[in-house]
Amino acid sequence: MIVEQRIYTCHCGKAPVYVSMYQQEGLAIQRPILGHLLGYFTSDIGTLNQVIHLWAYESLADRAERRGRLLADPAWRTYAAKVQPLVLEQHNMILTPAAFSPWASGPAY
């Protein structure tokens, strides 16, 4: 099992707009394709204007297949074009749980 952490730094003051657009449109497109949304967050202390989300996948191959389907989806491409101007930069990280982590065997729902 792996977890992908995606951090989007929005232009000043645009994170609430990004989250609202995602809630209204993006989530309904992404969730059926990507599957296991572990959490969706905004920053309040430290680096501001950030939107952070975590997705669980069975493997890198599972992630690649699901991300490929998402990127091929016309509704996703239309949505992504709408929110892209709100984003200043993006950082993605693949996280693997340590053997003793509660997540080592998969998401603890």
PDB file of N, CA and C in Angstrom:
ATOM      1  N   MET A   1       0.829  -1.171   0.000  1.00  0.00           N
ATOM      2  CA  MET A   1       0.000   0.000   0.000  1.00  0.00           C
ATOM      3  C   MET A   1       0.879   1.242   0.000  1.00  0.00           C
ATOM      4  N   ILE A   2       0.476   2.239  -0.763  1.00  0.00           N
ATOM      5  CA  ILE A   2       1.173   3.521  -0.774  1.00  0.00           C
ATOM      6  C   ILE A   2       0.153   4.629  -0.571  1.00  0.00           C
ATOM      7  N   VAL A   3       0.645   5.781  -0.153  1.00  0.00           N
ATOM      8  CA  VAL A   3      -0.181   6.974  -0.018  1.00  0.00           C
ATOM      9  C   VAL A   3       0.467   8.061  -0.854  1.00  0.00           C
ATOM     10  N   GLU A   4      -0.342   8.731  -1.661  1.00  0.00           N
ATOM     11  CA  GLU A   4       0.154   9.890  -2.394  1.00  0.00           C
ATOM     12  C   GLU A   4      -0.313  11.141  -1.679  1.00  0.00           C
ATOM     13  N   GLN A   5       0.650  11.998  -1.352  1.00  0.00           N
ATOM     14  CA  GLN A   5       0.362  13.307  -0.767  1.00  0.00           C
ATOM     15  C   GLN A   5       0.522  14.340  -1.873  1.00  0.00           C
ATOM     16  N   ARG A   6      -0.511  15.113  -2.103  1.00  0.00           N
ATOM     17  CA  ARG A   6      -0.468  16.156  -3.116  1.00  0.00           C
ATOM     18  C   ARG A   6      -0.673  17.495  -2.421  1.00  0.00           C
ATOM     19  N   ILE A   7       0.247  18.428  -2.634  1.00  0.00           N
ATOM     20  CA  ILE A   7       0.163  19.756  -2.019  1.00  0.00           C
ATOM     21  C   ILE A   7       0.107  20.792  -3.134  1.00  0.00           C
ATOM     22  N   TYR A   8      -0.960  21.552  -3.131  1.00  0.00           N
ATOM     23  CA  TYR A   8      -1.125  22.634  -4.088  1.00  0.00           C
ATOM     24  C   TYR A   8      -1.031  23.948  -3.330  1.00  0.00           C
ATOM     25  N   THR A   9      -0.097  24.802  -3.718  1.00  0.00           N
ATOM     26  CA  THR A   9      -0.004  26.140  -3.148  1.00  0.00           C
ATOM     27  C   THR A   9      -0.737  27.072  -4.101  1.00  0.00           C
ATOM     28  N   CYS A  10      -1.784  27.689  -3.587  1.00  0.00           N
ATOM     29  CA  CYS A  10      -2.614  28.571  -4.410  1.00  0.00           C
ATOM     30  C   CYS A  10      -2.107  30.003  -4.318  1.00  0.00           C
ATOM     31  N   HIS A  11      -2.489  30.804  -5.275  1.00  0.00           N
ATOM     32  CA  HIS A  11      -2.215  32.234  -5.194  1.00  0.00           C
ATOM     33  C   HIS A  11      -2.887  32.773  -3.934  1.00  0.00           C
ATOM     34  N   CYS A  12      -2.343  33.842  -3.379  1.00  0.00           N
ATOM     35  CA  CYS A  12      -2.812  34.395  -2.115  1.00  0.00           C
ATOM     36  C   CYS A  12      -4.336  34.562  -2.117  1.00  0.00           C
ATOM     37  N   GLY A  13      -4.969  33.974  -1.124  1.00  0.00           N
ATOM     38  CA  GLY A  13      -6.411  34.093  -0.951  1.00  0.00           C
ATOM     39  C   GLY A  13      -7.252  33.184  -1.829  1.00  0.00           C
ATOM     40  N   LYS A  14      -6.637  32.367  -2.669  1.00  0.00           N
ATOM     41  CA  LYS A  14      -7.395  31.548  -3.617  1.00  0.00           C
ATOM     42  C   LYS A  14      -7.652  30.114  -3.145  1.00  0.00           C
ATOM     43  N   ALA A  15      -7.053  29.693  -2.029  1.00  0.00           N
ATOM     44  CA  ALA A  15      -7.283  28.330  -1.549  1.00  0.00           C
ATOM     45  C   ALA A  15      -8.763  28.065  -1.260  1.00  0.00           C
ATOM     46  N   PRO A  16      -9.502  28.994  -0.614  1.00  0.00           N
ATOM     47  CA  PRO A  16     -10.927  28.724  -0.391  1.00  0.00           C
ATOM     48  C   PRO A  16     -11.716  28.579  -1.699  1.00  0.00           C
ATOM     49  N   VAL A  17     -11.340  29.319  -2.706  1.00  0.00           N
ATOM     50  CA  VAL A  17     -11.999  29.211  -4.012  1.00  0.00           C
ATOM     51  C   VAL A  17     -11.705  27.837  -4.613  1.00  0.00           C
ATOM     52  N   TYR A  18     -10.441  27.423  -4.537  1.00  0.00           N
ATOM     53  CA  TYR A  18     -10.032  26.109  -5.055  1.00  0.00           C
ATOM     54  C   TYR A  18     -10.819  24.998  -4.368  1.00  0.00           C
ATOM     55  N   VAL A  19     -10.889  25.039  -3.031  1.00  0.00           N
ATOM     56  CA  VAL A  19     -11.594  24.006  -2.271  1.00  0.00           C
ATOM     57  C   VAL A  19     -13.077  23.994  -2.624  1.00  0.00           C
ATOM     58  N   SER A  20     -13.677  25.158  -2.742  1.00  0.00           N
ATOM     59  CA  SER A  20     -15.092  25.240  -3.100  1.00  0.00           C
ATOM     60  C   SER A  20     -15.356  24.638  -4.478  1.00  0.00           C
ATOM     61  N   MET A  21     -14.512  24.960  -5.441  1.00  0.00           N
ATOM     62  CA  MET A  21     -14.670  24.410  -6.790  1.00  0.00           C
ATOM     63  C   MET A  21     -14.486  22.894  -6.772  1.00  0.00           C
ATOM     64  N   TYR A  22     -13.529  22.426  -5.974  1.00  0.00           N
ATOM     65  CA  TYR A  22     -13.300  20.985  -5.874  1.00  0.00           C
ATOM     66  C   TYR A  22     -14.519  20.293  -5.259  1.00  0.00           C
ATOM     67  N   GLN A  23     -15.033  20.876  -4.193  1.00  0.00           N
ATOM     68  CA  GLN A  23     -16.194  20.280  -3.528  1.00  0.00           C
ATOM     69  C   GLN A  23     -17.400  20.232  -4.476  1.00  0.00           C
ATOM     70  N   GLN A  24     -17.607  21.291  -5.234  1.00  0.00           N
ATOM     71  CA  GLN A  24     -18.763  21.376  -6.116  1.00  0.00           C
ATOM     72  C   GLN A  24     -18.640  20.515  -7.368  1.00  0.00           C
ATOM     73  N   GLU A  25     -17.416  20.314  -7.853  1.00  0.00           N
ATOM     74  CA  GLU A  25     -17.256  19.660  -9.150  1.00  0.00           C
ATOM     75  C   GLU A  25     -16.184  18.569  -9.185  1.00  0.00           C
ATOM     76  N   GLY A  26     -15.003  18.862  -8.695  1.00  0.00           N
ATOM     77  CA  GLY A  26     -13.874  17.955  -8.855  1.00  0.00           C
ATOM     78  C   GLY A  26     -13.999  16.642  -8.116  1.00  0.00           C
ATOM     79  N   LEU A  27     -14.504  16.678  -6.884  1.00  0.00           N
ATOM     80  CA  LEU A  27     -14.607  15.471  -6.074  1.00  0.00           C
ATOM     81  C   LEU A  27     -15.463  14.400  -6.745  1.00  0.00           C
ATOM     82  N   ALA A  28     -16.582  14.802  -7.314  1.00  0.00           N
ATOM     83  CA  ALA A  28     -17.484  13.838  -7.964  1.00  0.00           C
ATOM     84  C   ALA A  28     -16.838  13.168  -9.173  1.00  0.00           C
ATOM     85  N   ILE A  29     -15.879  13.831  -9.783  1.00  0.00           N
ATOM     86  CA  ILE A  29     -15.168  13.245 -10.923  1.00  0.00           C
ATOM     87  C   ILE A  29     -14.051  12.336 -10.422  1.00  0.00           C
ATOM     88  N   GLN A  30     -13.295  12.819  -9.453  1.00  0.00           N
ATOM     89  CA  GLN A  30     -12.098  12.116  -8.991  1.00  0.00           C
ATOM     90  C   GLN A  30     -12.376  10.879  -8.158  1.00  0.00           C
ATOM     91  N   ARG A  31     -13.290  10.992  -7.226  1.00  0.00           N
ATOM     92  CA  ARG A  31     -13.479   9.919  -6.247  1.00  0.00           C
ATOM     93  C   ARG A  31     -13.797   8.555  -6.862  1.00  0.00           C
ATOM     94  N   PRO A  32     -14.702   8.455  -7.843  1.00  0.00           N
ATOM     95  CA  PRO A  32     -14.975   7.122  -8.417  1.00  0.00           C
ATOM     96  C   PRO A  32     -13.773   6.511  -9.143  1.00  0.00           C
ATOM     97  N   ILE A  33     -12.888   7.356  -9.639  1.00  0.00           N
ATOM     98  CA  ILE A  33     -11.740   6.870 -10.402  1.00  0.00           C
ATOM     99  C   ILE A  33     -10.560   6.559  -9.483  1.00  0.00           C
ATOM    100  N   LEU A  34     -10.229   7.496  -8.594  1.00  0.00           N
ATOM    101  CA  LEU A  34      -9.062   7.310  -7.737  1.00  0.00           C
ATOM    102  C   LEU A  34      -9.352   6.431  -6.530  1.00  0.00           C
ATOM    103  N   GLY A  35     -10.572   6.440  -6.045  1.00  0.00           N
ATOM    104  CA  GLY A  35     -10.955   5.507  -4.998  1.00  0.00           C
ATOM    105  C   GLY A  35     -10.808   5.987  -3.580  1.00  0.00           C
ATOM    106  N   HIS A  36      -9.645   5.810  -2.973  1.00  0.00           N
ATOM    107  CA  HIS A  36      -9.490   5.961  -1.528  1.00  0.00           C
ATOM    108  C   HIS A  36      -8.947   7.324  -1.117  1.00  0.00           C
ATOM    109  N   LEU A  37      -9.839   8.301  -1.000  1.00  0.00           N
ATOM    110  CA  LEU A  37      -9.455   9.603  -0.465  1.00  0.00           C
ATOM    111  C   LEU A  37      -9.312   9.469   1.041  1.00  0.00           C
ATOM    112  N   LEU A  38      -8.106   9.723   1.548  1.00  0.00           N
ATOM    113  CA  LEU A  38      -7.849   9.598   2.981  1.00  0.00           C
ATOM    114  C   LEU A  38      -8.103  10.896   3.718  1.00  0.00           C
ATOM    115  N   GLY A  39      -7.909  12.015   3.052  1.00  0.00           N
ATOM    116  CA  GLY A  39      -8.132  13.295   3.703  1.00  0.00           C
ATOM    117  C   GLY A  39      -7.903  14.446   2.752  1.00  0.00           C
ATOM    118  N   TYR A  40      -8.550  15.563   3.040  1.00  0.00           N
ATOM    119  CA  TYR A  40      -8.457  16.780   2.237  1.00  0.00           C
ATOM    120  C   TYR A  40      -8.350  17.927   3.226  1.00  0.00           C
ATOM    121  N   PHE A  41      -7.297  18.726   3.128  1.00  0.00           N
ATOM    122  CA  PHE A  41      -6.976  19.701   4.157  1.00  0.00           C
ATOM    123  C   PHE A  41      -6.573  21.043   3.541  1.00  0.00           C
ATOM    124  N   THR A  42      -6.641  22.089   4.365  1.00  0.00           N
ATOM    125  CA  THR A  42      -6.048  23.378   4.016  1.00  0.00           C
ATOM    126  C   THR A  42      -5.103  23.763   5.146  1.00  0.00           C
ATOM    127  N   SER A  43      -4.103  24.564   4.815  1.00  0.00           N
ATOM    128  CA  SER A  43      -3.120  24.978   5.821  1.00  0.00           C
ATOM    129  C   SER A  43      -3.640  26.197   6.582  1.00  0.00           C
ATOM    130  N   ASP A  44      -3.289  26.252   7.866  1.00  0.00           N
ATOM    131  CA  ASP A  44      -3.731  27.354   8.711  1.00  0.00           C
ATOM    132  C   ASP A  44      -2.550  28.017   9.411  1.00  0.00           C
ATOM    133  N   ILE A  45      -1.501  27.245   9.645  1.00  0.00           N
ATOM    134  CA  ILE A  45      -0.285  27.754  10.279  1.00  0.00           C
ATOM    135  C   ILE A  45       0.888  27.275   9.430  1.00  0.00           C
ATOM    136  N   GLY A  46       1.916  28.082   9.319  1.00  0.00           N
ATOM    137  CA  GLY A  46       3.061  27.720   8.470  1.00  0.00           C
ATOM    138  C   GLY A  46       2.836  28.290   7.078  1.00  0.00           C
ATOM    139  N   THR A  47       3.153  27.511   6.066  1.00  0.00           N
ATOM    140  CA  THR A  47       2.939  27.961   4.691  1.00  0.00           C
ATOM    141  C   THR A  47       1.437  28.026   4.436  1.00  0.00           C
ATOM    142  N   LEU A  48       0.943  29.190   4.098  1.00  0.00           N
ATOM    143  CA  LEU A  48      -0.491  29.395   3.917  1.00  0.00           C
ATOM    144  C   LEU A  48      -0.894  29.189   2.459  1.00  0.00           C
ATOM    145  N   ASN A  49      -2.196  29.201   2.241  1.00  0.00           N
ATOM    146  CA  ASN A  49      -2.772  29.060   0.894  1.00  0.00           C
ATOM    147  C   ASN A  49      -2.491  27.694   0.285  1.00  0.00           C
ATOM    148  N   GLN A  50      -2.354  26.678   1.138  1.00  0.00           N
ATOM    149  CA  GLN A  50      -2.093  25.342   0.622  1.00  0.00           C
ATOM    150  C   GLN A  50      -3.313  24.443   0.784  1.00  0.00           C
ATOM    151  N   VAL A  51      -3.484  23.580  -0.205  1.00  0.00           N
ATOM    152  CA  VAL A  51      -4.506  22.536  -0.191  1.00  0.00           C
ATOM    153  C   VAL A  51      -3.751  21.216  -0.258  1.00  0.00           C
ATOM    154  N   ILE A  52      -4.011  20.342   0.703  1.00  0.00           N
ATOM    155  CA  ILE A  52      -3.290  19.072   0.803  1.00  0.00           C
ATOM    156  C   ILE A  52      -4.293  17.941   0.775  1.00  0.00           C
ATOM    157  N   HIS A  53      -4.034  16.946  -0.053  1.00  0.00           N
ATOM    158  CA  HIS A  53      -4.893  15.767  -0.029  1.00  0.00           C
ATOM    159  C   HIS A  53      -4.063  14.511  -0.117  1.00  0.00           C
ATOM    160  N   LEU A  54      -4.619  13.449   0.475  1.00  0.00           N
ATOM    161  CA  LEU A  54      -3.955  12.157   0.572  1.00  0.00           C
ATOM    162  C   LEU A  54      -4.851  11.095  -0.060  1.00  0.00           C
ATOM    163  N   TRP A  55      -4.236  10.268  -0.929  1.00  0.00           N
ATOM    164  CA  TRP A  55      -4.948   9.189  -1.606  1.00  0.00           C
ATOM    165  C   TRP A  55      -4.194   7.891  -1.380  1.00  0.00           C
ATOM    166  N   ALA A  56      -4.916   6.814  -1.068  1.00  0.00           N
ATOM    167  CA  ALA A  56      -4.298   5.501  -0.875  1.00  0.00           C
ATOM    168  C   ALA A  56      -4.452   4.670  -2.139  1.00  0.00           C
ATOM    169  N   TYR A  57      -3.392   3.924  -2.458  1.00  0.00           N
ATOM    170  CA  TYR A  57      -3.378   3.024  -3.613  1.00  0.00           C
ATOM    171  C   TYR A  57      -2.780   1.690  -3.181  1.00  0.00           C
ATOM    172  N   GLU A  58      -3.149   0.649  -3.867  1.00  0.00           N
ATOM    173  CA  GLU A  58      -2.583  -0.672  -3.574  1.00  0.00           C
ATOM    174  C   GLU A  58      -1.102  -0.727  -3.923  1.00  0.00           C
ATOM    175  N   SER A  59      -0.707  -0.017  -4.988  1.00  0.00           N
ATOM    176  CA  SER A  59       0.678  -0.066  -5.467  1.00  0.00           C
ATOM    177  C   SER A  59       0.910   1.105  -6.411  1.00  0.00           C
ATOM    178  N   LEU A  60       2.161   1.268  -6.851  1.00  0.00           N
ATOM    179  CA  LEU A  60       2.457   2.285  -7.866  1.00  0.00           C
ATOM    180  C   LEU A  60       1.738   1.971  -9.171  1.00  0.00           C
ATOM    181  N   ALA A  61       1.611   0.691  -9.497  1.00  0.00           N
ATOM    182  CA  ALA A  61       0.900   0.294 -10.716  1.00  0.00           C
ATOM    183  C   ALA A  61      -0.582   0.655 -10.619  1.00  0.00           C
ATOM    184  N   ASP A  62      -1.187   0.435  -9.458  1.00  0.00           N
ATOM    185  CA  ASP A  62      -2.590   0.816  -9.241  1.00  0.00           C
ATOM    186  C   ASP A  62      -2.750   2.318  -9.401  1.00  0.00           C
ATOM    187  N   ARG A  63      -1.829   3.077  -8.807  1.00  0.00           N
ATOM    188  CA  ARG A  63      -1.872   4.537  -8.929  1.00  0.00           C
ATOM    189  C   ARG A  63      -1.751   4.959 -10.388  1.00  0.00           C
ATOM    190  N   ALA A  64      -0.801   4.391 -11.104  1.00  0.00           N
ATOM    191  CA  ALA A  64      -0.589   4.761 -12.510  1.00  0.00           C
ATOM    192  C   ALA A  64      -1.829   4.477 -13.349  1.00  0.00           C
ATOM    193  N   GLU A  65      -2.459   3.343 -13.115  1.00  0.00           N
ATOM    194  CA  GLU A  65      -3.662   2.998 -13.876  1.00  0.00           C
ATOM    195  C   GLU A  65      -4.803   3.966 -13.567  1.00  0.00           C
ATOM    196  N   ARG A  66      -5.012   4.253 -12.295  1.00  0.00           N
ATOM    197  CA  ARG A  66      -6.102   5.146 -11.894  1.00  0.00           C
ATOM    198  C   ARG A  66      -5.852   6.582 -12.357  1.00  0.00           C
ATOM    199  N   ARG A  67      -4.603   7.063 -12.195  1.00  0.00           N
ATOM    200  CA  ARG A  67      -4.277   8.427 -12.639  1.00  0.00           C
ATOM    201  C   ARG A  67      -4.419   8.530 -14.161  1.00  0.00           C
ATOM    202  N   GLY A  68      -4.046   7.473 -14.879  1.00  0.00           N
ATOM    203  CA  GLY A  68      -4.207   7.464 -16.335  1.00  0.00           C
ATOM    204  C   GLY A  68      -5.661   7.601 -16.738  1.00  0.00           C
ATOM    205  N   ARG A  69      -6.546   6.871 -16.049  1.00  0.00           N
ATOM    206  CA  ARG A  69      -7.984   6.986 -16.336  1.00  0.00           C
ATOM    207  C   ARG A  69      -8.494   8.383 -16.026  1.00  0.00           C
ATOM    208  N   LEU A  70      -8.019   8.962 -14.913  1.00  0.00           N
ATOM    209  CA  LEU A  70      -8.455  10.311 -14.554  1.00  0.00           C
ATOM    210  C   LEU A  70      -8.031  11.322 -15.611  1.00  0.00           C
ATOM    211  N   LEU A  71      -6.776  11.265 -16.018  1.00  0.00           N
ATOM    212  CA  LEU A  71      -6.265  12.234 -16.986  1.00  0.00           C
ATOM    213  C   LEU A  71      -6.903  12.081 -18.363  1.00  0.00           C
ATOM    214  N   ALA A  72      -7.453  10.908 -18.657  1.00  0.00           N
ATOM    215  CA  ALA A  72      -8.133  10.684 -19.933  1.00  0.00           C
ATOM    216  C   ALA A  72      -9.601  11.099 -19.889  1.00  0.00           C
ATOM    217  N   ASP A  73     -10.122  11.388 -18.715  1.00  0.00           N
ATOM    218  CA  ASP A  73     -11.533  11.722 -18.554  1.00  0.00           C
ATOM    219  C   ASP A  73     -11.799  13.161 -19.021  1.00  0.00           C
ATOM    220  N   PRO A  74     -12.670  13.349 -20.004  1.00  0.00           N
ATOM    221  CA  PRO A  74     -12.943  14.704 -20.515  1.00  0.00           C
ATOM    222  C   PRO A  74     -13.485  15.650 -19.443  1.00  0.00           C
ATOM    223  N   ALA A  75     -14.318  15.143 -18.546  1.00  0.00           N
ATOM    224  CA  ALA A  75     -14.858  15.999 -17.488  1.00  0.00           C
ATOM    225  C   ALA A  75     -13.735  16.484 -16.567  1.00  0.00           C
ATOM    226  N   TRP A  76     -12.756  15.605 -16.279  1.00  0.00           N
ATOM    227  CA  TRP A  76     -11.630  16.003 -15.437  1.00  0.00           C
ATOM    228  C   TRP A  76     -10.780  17.058 -16.135  1.00  0.00           C
ATOM    229  N   ARG A  77     -10.526  16.871 -17.399  1.00  0.00           N
ATOM    230  CA  ARG A  77      -9.703  17.849 -18.137  1.00  0.00           C
ATOM    231  C   ARG A  77     -10.373  19.217 -18.142  1.00  0.00           C
ATOM    232  N   THR A  78     -11.690  19.248 -18.297  1.00  0.00           N
ATOM    233  CA  THR A  78     -12.426  20.519 -18.284  1.00  0.00           C
ATOM    234  C   THR A  78     -12.332  21.166 -16.906  1.00  0.00           C
ATOM    235  N   TYR A  79     -12.541  20.366 -15.869  1.00  0.00           N
ATOM    236  CA  TYR A  79     -12.452  20.882 -14.503  1.00  0.00           C
ATOM    237  C   TYR A  79     -11.031  21.385 -14.199  1.00  0.00           C
ATOM    238  N   ALA A  80     -10.027  20.602 -14.539  1.00  0.00           N
ATOM    239  CA  ALA A  80      -8.639  20.972 -14.248  1.00  0.00           C
ATOM    240  C   ALA A  80      -8.266  22.300 -14.902  1.00  0.00           C
ATOM    241  N   ALA A  81      -8.765  22.543 -16.097  1.00  0.00           N
ATOM    242  CA  ALA A  81      -8.486  23.807 -16.784  1.00  0.00           C
ATOM    243  C   ALA A  81      -9.078  24.992 -16.021  1.00  0.00           C
ATOM    244  N   LYS A  82     -10.177  24.769 -15.319  1.00  0.00           N
ATOM    245  CA  LYS A  82     -10.814  25.849 -14.549  1.00  0.00           C
ATOM    246  C   LYS A  82     -10.013  26.211 -13.295  1.00  0.00           C
ATOM    247  N   VAL A  83      -9.450  25.202 -12.618  1.00  0.00           N
ATOM    248  CA  VAL A  83      -8.768  25.474 -11.353  1.00  0.00           C
ATOM    249  C   VAL A  83      -7.274  25.745 -11.510  1.00  0.00           C
ATOM    250  N   GLN A  84      -6.717  25.351 -12.633  1.00  0.00           N
ATOM    251  CA  GLN A  84      -5.276  25.529 -12.831  1.00  0.00           C
ATOM    252  C   GLN A  84      -4.804  26.972 -12.615  1.00  0.00           C
ATOM    253  N   PRO A  85      -5.541  27.987 -13.052  1.00  0.00           N
ATOM    254  CA  PRO A  85      -5.072  29.361 -12.822  1.00  0.00           C
ATOM    255  C   PRO A  85      -4.998  29.764 -11.341  1.00  0.00           C
ATOM    256  N   LEU A  86      -5.639  29.013 -10.464  1.00  0.00           N
ATOM    257  CA  LEU A  86      -5.599  29.311  -9.032  1.00  0.00           C
ATOM    258  C   LEU A  86      -4.323  28.812  -8.373  1.00  0.00           C
ATOM    259  N   VAL A  87      -3.620  27.893  -9.021  1.00  0.00           N
ATOM    260  CA  VAL A  87      -2.480  27.197  -8.421  1.00  0.00           C
ATOM    261  C   VAL A  87      -1.159  27.849  -8.819  1.00  0.00           C
ATOM    262  N   LEU A  88      -0.341  28.098  -7.811  1.00  0.00           N
ATOM    263  CA  LEU A  88       0.985  28.670  -8.007  1.00  0.00           C
ATOM    264  C   LEU A  88       2.032  27.575  -8.197  1.00  0.00           C
ATOM    265  N   GLU A  89       1.961  26.523  -7.361  1.00  0.00           N
ATOM    266  CA  GLU A  89       2.887  25.395  -7.497  1.00  0.00           C
ATOM    267  C   GLU A  89       2.270  24.137  -6.902  1.00  0.00           C
ATOM    268  N   GLN A  90       2.885  23.000  -7.241  1.00  0.00           N
ATOM    269  CA  GLN A  90       2.380  21.703  -6.810  1.00  0.00           C
ATOM    270  C   GLN A  90       3.551  20.816  -6.402  1.00  0.00           C
ATOM    271  N   HIS A  91       3.352  20.055  -5.331  1.00  0.00           N
ATOM    272  CA  HIS A  91       4.340  19.075  -4.873  1.00  0.00           C
ATOM    273  C   HIS A  91       3.606  17.771  -4.606  1.00  0.00           C
ATOM    274  N   ASN A  92       4.120  16.689  -5.141  1.00  0.00           N
ATOM    275  CA  ASN A  92       3.559  15.359  -4.904  1.00  0.00           C
ATOM    276  C   ASN A  92       4.623  14.507  -4.233  1.00  0.00           C
ATOM    277  N   MET A  93       4.172  13.615  -3.348  1.00  0.00           N
ATOM    278  CA  MET A  93       5.090  12.717  -2.681  1.00  0.00           C
ATOM    279  C   MET A  93       4.398  11.365  -2.519  1.00  0.00           C
ATOM    280  N   ILE A  94       5.144  10.304  -2.761  1.00  0.00           N
ATOM    281  CA  ILE A  94       4.647   8.963  -2.509  1.00  0.00           C
ATOM    282  C   ILE A  94       5.174   8.528  -1.146  1.00  0.00           C
ATOM    283  N   LEU A  95       4.271   8.137  -0.271  1.00  0.00           N
ATOM    284  CA  LEU A  95       4.613   7.734   1.085  1.00  0.00           C
ATOM    285  C   LEU A  95       4.356   6.241   1.240  1.00  0.00           C
ATOM    286  N   THR A  96       5.295   5.544   1.861  1.00  0.00           N
ATOM    287  CA  THR A  96       5.096   4.130   2.164  1.00  0.00           C
ATOM    288  C   THR A  96       5.099   3.980   3.676  1.00  0.00           C
ATOM    289  N   PRO A  97       4.110   3.288   4.226  1.00  0.00           N
ATOM    290  CA  PRO A  97       4.032   3.175   5.681  1.00  0.00           C
ATOM    291  C   PRO A  97       5.125   2.269   6.238  1.00  0.00           C
ATOM    292  N   ALA A  98       5.643   2.643   7.375  1.00  0.00           N
ATOM    293  CA  ALA A  98       6.591   1.787   8.088  1.00  0.00           C
ATOM    294  C   ALA A  98       5.859   0.520   8.525  1.00  0.00           C
ATOM    295  N   ALA A  99       6.601  -0.543   8.747  1.00  0.00           N
ATOM    296  CA  ALA A  99       6.010  -1.842   9.093  1.00  0.00           C
ATOM    297  C   ALA A  99       5.111  -1.769  10.325  1.00  0.00           C
ATOM    298  N   PHE A 100       5.413  -0.883  11.271  1.00  0.00           N
ATOM    299  CA  PHE A 100       4.632  -0.782  12.499  1.00  0.00           C
ATOM    300  C   PHE A 100       3.480   0.212  12.402  1.00  0.00           C
ATOM    301  N   SER A 101       3.355   0.885  11.271  1.00  0.00           N
ATOM    302  CA  SER A 101       2.287   1.868  11.097  1.00  0.00           C
ATOM    303  C   SER A 101       0.923   1.190  11.033  1.00  0.00           C
ATOM    304  N   PRO A 102      -0.097   1.818  11.603  1.00  0.00           N
ATOM    305  CA  PRO A 102      -1.451   1.265  11.468  1.00  0.00           C
ATOM    306  C   PRO A 102      -1.862   1.130  10.002  1.00  0.00           C
ATOM    307  N   TRP A 103      -1.204   1.864   9.115  1.00  0.00           N
ATOM    308  CA  TRP A 103      -1.541   1.849   7.689  1.00  0.00           C
ATOM    309  C   TRP A 103      -0.759   0.784   6.909  1.00  0.00           C
ATOM    310  N   ALA A 104       0.118   0.039   7.552  1.00  0.00           N
ATOM    311  CA  ALA A 104       0.961  -0.924   6.853  1.00  0.00           C
ATOM    312  C   ALA A 104       0.154  -1.970   6.081  1.00  0.00           C
ATOM    313  N   SER A 105      -1.007  -2.320   6.580  1.00  0.00           N
ATOM    314  CA  SER A 105      -1.843  -3.325   5.907  1.00  0.00           C
ATOM    315  C   SER A 105      -2.923  -2.694   5.036  1.00  0.00           C
ATOM    316  N   GLY A 106      -2.911  -1.388   4.929  1.00  0.00           N
ATOM    317  CA  GLY A 106      -3.912  -0.698   4.138  1.00  0.00           C
ATOM    318  C   GLY A 106      -4.657   0.319   4.990  1.00  0.00           C
ATOM    319  N   PRO A 107      -5.526   1.077   4.353  1.00  0.00           N
ATOM    320  CA  PRO A 107      -6.255   2.137   5.067  1.00  0.00           C
ATOM    321  C   PRO A 107      -7.073   1.585   6.235  1.00  0.00           C
ATOM    322  N   ALA A 108      -7.009   2.297   7.331  1.00  0.00           N
ATOM    323  CA  ALA A 108      -7.814   1.955   8.508  1.00  0.00           C
ATOM    324  C   ALA A 108      -9.047   2.838   8.487  1.00  0.00           C
ATOM    325  N   TYR A 109     -10.088   2.359   7.871  1.00  0.00           N
ATOM    326  CA  TYR A 109     -11.299   3.186   7.712  1.00  0.00           C
ATOM    327  C   TYR A 109     -12.069   3.251   8.984  1.00  0.00           C
TER     328      TYR A 109
END
